Amino acid sequence: MSSSGTPIEGAAALVTGGHRGFGRALVDELLARGAAKVYATSRAPQPQRDERIVPLVVDVTDDASVAAAAQAAPDVSIVVSNAGIALSTPVLDAPLADIRAELETNLFGTIRVGRAFAPVLARHDASALVNVLSVLSWLAISGGYEISKAAAWSATNSMRLRLRDQGTLVTALHVAYMDTDMTAGLEVPKDDPREVARQAVDAIAAGDYEVLADDTTRSVKSRLSQDVTALYPQLATAGAGR
């Protein structure tokens, strides 16, 4: 489904976790498509590699840090909530503190960013919030990561309802494995982050509510009435996607 899109040309955008992996690919794609400025956040100071990129130190697990980011980037019409972590957290064995850490970043971090930037995005006639989720939003393989992503998917749907009247389109981006640091130790087929970034920016421009970035994700989504764990044993044995 789609609605009216958000212009990329001349826009200011912000990408959390924007200095490496998929976040870096998103920053580069936004600039290539004509964005005038992209705020790229990370938890530690980073060098500025392009005059159009504004580095920001942001910890999405900290309310004050995210609020400060919204004050530092008052001109953005596009926000991509990309920062995430994946720990080894089998749900019946892992320390609850580790599962809480995944929830704090992947769920509550996404909510914090949405809350802090909603008033900023409301200043524009058309604006976009993209939440980077996972095929594991729908496929449980016994870990805390997919619990956090399933919850973040639900939160994304709620944000979409709350923000549509202010002209902000909320897009859910679901993807299986990308060739990033998060999946470096997994011997599985991986998508090029640059291709997924292209799809994400296409969705912003077109006003799409959802991006299913690869064949695995599209197939899992289409078979939710079946036992998708049995259909995809490679996902269940390889570990977390995204």
Protein backbone atom coordinates (compact mmCIF):
# COMPACT_ATOMS: atom_id res chain seq x y z
CA MET A 1 0.00 0.00 0.00
CA SER A 2 1.12 3.57 -0.54
CA SER A 3 0.21 7.16 0.18
CA SER A 4 1.74 10.42 -0.98
CA GLY A 5 5.51 10.34 -0.75
CA THR A 6 8.10 12.59 0.85
CA PRO A 7 10.43 14.57 -1.41
CA ILE A 8 14.11 13.58 -1.22
CA GLU A 9 15.59 16.38 -3.31
CA GLY A 10 16.78 19.18 -1.03
CA ALA A 11 15.55 17.45 2.13
CA ALA A 12 17.27 17.10 5.49
CA ALA A 13 17.28 13.55 6.86
CA LEU A 14 18.52 11.72 9.94
CA VAL A 15 19.69 8.10 10.14
CA THR A 16 20.38 6.46 13.49
CA GLY A 17 23.35 4.14 13.39
CA GLY A 18 24.37 5.98 10.25
CA HIS A 19 28.15 5.52 10.19
CA ARG A 20 28.49 1.86 9.26
CA GLY A 21 26.70 -1.07 7.70
CA PHE A 22 23.18 -0.50 6.50
CA GLY A 23 23.04 2.94 8.10
CA ARG A 24 26.00 4.11 6.04
CA ALA A 25 24.38 2.73 2.89
CA LEU A 26 21.21 4.67 3.71
CA VAL A 27 23.13 7.89 4.21
CA ASP A 28 24.89 7.44 0.87
CA GLU A 29 21.65 6.62 -0.96
CA LEU A 30 19.84 9.66 0.45
CA LEU A 31 22.69 11.92 -0.64
CA ALA A 32 22.84 10.30 -4.08
CA ARG A 33 19.13 10.99 -4.50
CA GLY A 34 19.52 14.68 -3.73
CA ALA A 35 19.16 15.11 0.03
CA ALA A 36 20.82 18.37 1.04
CA LYS A 37 21.91 17.15 4.47
CA VAL A 38 21.95 13.91 6.42
CA TYR A 39 22.50 13.71 10.17
CA ALA A 40 24.27 10.40 10.86
CA THR A 41 24.16 9.26 14.46
CA SER A 42 26.42 6.90 16.39
CA ARG A 43 27.22 6.21 20.03
CA ALA A 44 30.76 7.60 19.70
CA PRO A 45 32.19 10.60 17.80
CA GLN A 46 32.87 9.92 14.11
CA PRO A 47 34.82 11.92 11.51
CA GLN A 48 32.86 13.85 8.91
CA ARG A 49 33.44 12.11 5.54
CA ASP A 50 31.26 14.47 3.48
CA GLU A 51 30.36 18.10 4.08
CA ARG A 52 26.68 17.19 3.67
CA ILE A 53 26.86 14.65 6.52
CA VAL A 54 26.43 15.98 10.06
CA PRO A 55 27.74 13.51 12.67
CA LEU A 56 25.74 13.34 15.89
CA VAL A 57 26.51 11.33 19.02
CA VAL A 58 23.24 9.69 20.06
CA ASP A 59 22.41 6.80 22.36
CA VAL A 60 18.92 5.58 21.47
CA THR A 61 18.62 3.92 24.89
CA ASP A 62 18.82 7.32 26.61
CA ASP A 63 15.84 9.69 26.68
CA ALA A 64 17.93 12.84 27.05
CA SER A 65 20.30 11.86 24.24
CA VAL A 66 17.45 11.29 21.77
CA ALA A 67 15.72 14.51 22.84
CA ALA A 68 18.97 16.40 22.27
CA ALA A 69 19.21 14.90 18.78
CA ALA A 70 15.75 16.22 17.93
CA GLN A 71 16.88 19.69 19.05
CA ALA A 72 20.09 19.43 17.03
CA ALA A 73 18.24 18.38 13.86
CA PRO A 74 15.16 20.62 13.78
CA ASP A 75 14.92 20.70 9.99
CA VAL A 76 14.55 17.01 9.15
CA SER A 77 11.62 15.75 7.10
CA ILE A 78 12.97 12.18 6.92
CA VAL A 79 14.02 10.02 9.88
CA VAL A 80 15.28 6.45 9.59
CA SER A 81 15.37 4.52 12.87
CA ASN A 82 18.10 2.02 12.05
CA ALA A 83 20.16 1.57 15.22
CA GLY A 84 19.89 -1.98 16.53
CA ILE A 85 21.72 -4.76 18.33
CA ALA A 86 21.60 -8.56 18.13
CA LEU A 87 22.92 -10.59 21.04
CA SER A 88 22.95 -14.33 21.59
CA THR A 89 19.85 -14.55 23.75
CA PRO A 90 18.05 -17.91 23.74
CA VAL A 91 14.82 -17.02 25.47
CA LEU A 92 14.95 -19.76 28.13
CA ASP A 93 18.68 -19.53 28.87
CA ALA A 94 20.08 -16.05 28.25
CA PRO A 95 20.43 -13.57 31.09
CA LEU A 96 17.33 -11.41 31.19
CA ALA A 97 19.62 -8.39 31.22
CA ASP A 98 20.74 -9.27 27.69
CA ILE A 99 17.18 -9.66 26.45
CA ARG A 100 16.32 -6.34 28.10
CA ALA A 101 19.27 -4.74 26.27
CA GLU A 102 17.87 -5.88 22.92
CA LEU A 103 14.44 -4.56 23.85
CA GLU A 104 15.92 -1.29 25.07
CA THR A 105 17.63 -0.63 21.74
CA ASN A 106 15.45 -2.34 19.16
CA LEU A 107 12.03 -1.58 20.66
CA PHE A 108 12.26 1.30 23.09
CA GLY A 109 14.97 3.00 21.04
CA THR A 110 12.62 2.95 18.04
CA ILE A 111 9.82 4.36 20.18
CA ARG A 112 12.08 7.06 21.64
CA VAL A 113 13.13 8.22 18.19
CA GLY A 114 9.53 8.25 16.98
CA ARG A 115 8.36 10.26 19.99
CA ALA A 116 11.18 12.78 19.89
CA PHE A 117 11.00 13.46 16.17
CA ALA A 118 7.24 13.41 15.67
CA PRO A 119 6.93 17.16 16.43
CA VAL A 120 9.88 17.91 14.13
CA LEU A 121 8.37 15.92 11.27
CA ALA A 122 5.02 17.65 11.83
CA ARG A 123 6.56 20.95 10.68
CA HIS A 124 6.56 19.67 7.10
CA ASP A 125 3.63 19.15 4.77
CA ALA A 126 4.99 15.69 3.98
CA SER A 127 7.45 13.73 6.09
CA ALA A 128 8.65 10.17 6.60
CA LEU A 129 9.65 7.90 9.45
CA VAL A 130 11.20 4.56 8.48
CA ASN A 131 11.68 1.85 11.11
CA VAL A 132 14.20 -0.84 10.19
CA LEU A 133 12.77 -4.17 11.28
CA SER A 134 13.44 -7.77 10.19
CA VAL A 135 11.98 -10.93 8.70
CA LEU A 136 12.20 -12.07 12.31
CA SER A 137 9.34 -9.73 13.10
CA TRP A 138 7.24 -12.76 12.07
CA LEU A 139 9.55 -15.75 12.55
CA ALA A 140 10.47 -16.86 16.07
CA ILE A 141 13.68 -18.89 16.36
CA SER A 142 13.90 -18.85 20.18
CA GLY A 143 15.86 -15.64 20.81
CA GLY A 144 15.30 -12.23 22.30
CA TYR A 145 16.17 -10.44 19.05
CA GLU A 146 13.01 -11.53 17.27
CA ILE A 147 10.95 -10.68 20.34
CA SER A 148 12.26 -7.13 20.12
CA LYS A 149 11.61 -6.92 16.37
CA ALA A 150 8.09 -8.35 16.62
CA ALA A 151 7.31 -5.74 19.26
CA ALA A 152 8.91 -3.00 17.16
CA TRP A 153 6.72 -4.02 14.22
CA SER A 154 3.62 -3.59 16.40
CA ALA A 155 4.93 -0.22 17.63
CA THR A 156 5.54 0.83 14.03
CA ASN A 157 1.95 0.06 13.09
CA SER A 158 0.74 2.11 16.05
CA MET A 159 2.99 5.04 15.10
CA ARG A 160 1.59 4.97 11.57
CA LEU A 161 -1.94 5.43 12.90
CA ARG A 162 -0.95 8.21 15.29
CA LEU A 163 1.15 10.21 12.83
CA ARG A 164 -0.84 9.98 9.61
CA ASP A 165 -2.99 13.05 10.39
CA GLN A 166 0.12 15.24 10.66
CA GLY A 167 1.29 14.11 7.21
CA THR A 168 4.03 11.75 8.42
CA LEU A 169 4.15 8.38 6.67
CA VAL A 170 5.57 5.58 8.82
CA THR A 171 7.22 2.79 6.83
CA ALA A 172 8.20 -0.67 8.09
CA LEU A 173 11.33 -2.05 6.42
CA HIS A 174 11.67 -5.83 6.75
CA VAL A 175 14.79 -7.66 5.57
CA ALA A 176 16.47 -11.02 6.16
CA TYR A 177 20.28 -11.11 5.97
CA MET A 178 22.37 -8.14 4.84
CA ASP A 179 26.12 -8.14 4.36
CA THR A 180 26.99 -6.11 7.46
CA ASP A 181 28.98 -6.54 10.66
CA MET A 182 25.90 -7.98 12.36
CA THR A 183 25.90 -11.02 10.06
CA ALA A 184 29.66 -11.32 9.51
CA GLY A 185 29.90 -14.75 11.14
CA LEU A 186 26.97 -16.32 9.31
CA GLU A 187 27.44 -18.48 6.22
CA VAL A 188 24.14 -17.61 4.54
CA PRO A 189 23.12 -15.70 1.40
CA LYS A 190 23.18 -11.98 2.16
CA ASP A 191 21.66 -8.94 0.49
CA ASP A 192 23.73 -5.95 -0.54
CA PRO A 193 22.94 -3.13 1.93
CA ARG A 194 23.11 -0.65 -0.93
CA GLU A 195 20.25 -2.42 -2.73
CA VAL A 196 18.13 -2.49 0.42
CA ALA A 197 18.90 1.20 0.96
CA ARG A 198 17.71 1.92 -2.58
CA GLN A 199 14.41 0.18 -1.81
CA ALA A 200 14.05 2.12 1.42
CA VAL A 201 14.53 5.48 -0.27
CA ASP A 202 12.20 4.43 -3.09
CA ALA A 203 9.56 3.77 -0.43
CA ILE A 204 10.07 7.19 1.13
CA ALA A 205 9.64 8.88 -2.24
CA ALA A 206 6.63 6.75 -3.21
CA GLY A 207 4.90 6.79 0.17
CA ASP A 208 4.95 3.03 0.69
CA TYR A 209 3.88 1.70 4.08
CA GLU A 210 6.01 -1.42 3.92
CA VAL A 211 9.21 -2.68 2.28
CA LEU A 212 9.78 -6.43 1.93
CA ALA A 213 13.37 -6.26 0.81
CA ASP A 214 14.15 -9.78 -0.42
CA ASP A 215 12.66 -13.08 -1.52
CA THR A 216 12.98 -14.67 1.91
CA THR A 217 11.14 -11.83 3.59
CA ARG A 218 8.40 -11.76 0.97
CA SER A 219 7.93 -15.53 1.19
CA VAL A 220 7.77 -15.60 5.00
CA LYS A 221 5.27 -12.73 5.06
CA SER A 222 3.08 -14.48 2.49
CA ARG A 223 3.01 -17.73 4.51
CA LEU A 224 2.16 -16.49 7.98
CA SER A 225 -0.74 -18.93 8.24
CA GLN A 226 1.75 -21.82 7.89
CA ASP A 227 4.59 -23.11 10.05
CA VAL A 228 7.28 -20.80 8.70
CA THR A 229 9.92 -22.23 11.03
CA ALA A 230 9.57 -25.57 9.27
CA LEU A 231 9.68 -23.84 5.89
CA TYR A 232 12.91 -21.99 6.69
CA PRO A 233 15.19 -24.20 8.82
CA GLN A 234 18.22 -22.26 7.60
CA LEU A 235 16.92 -19.17 9.40
CA ALA A 236 16.24 -21.11 12.54
CA THR A 237 19.78 -22.51 12.64
CA ALA A 238 21.79 -19.56 11.34
CA GLY A 239 20.73 -16.96 13.88
CA ALA A 240 19.17 -13.54 13.74
CA GLY A 241 18.50 -11.83 10.43
CA ARG A 242 19.11 -8.22 9.40
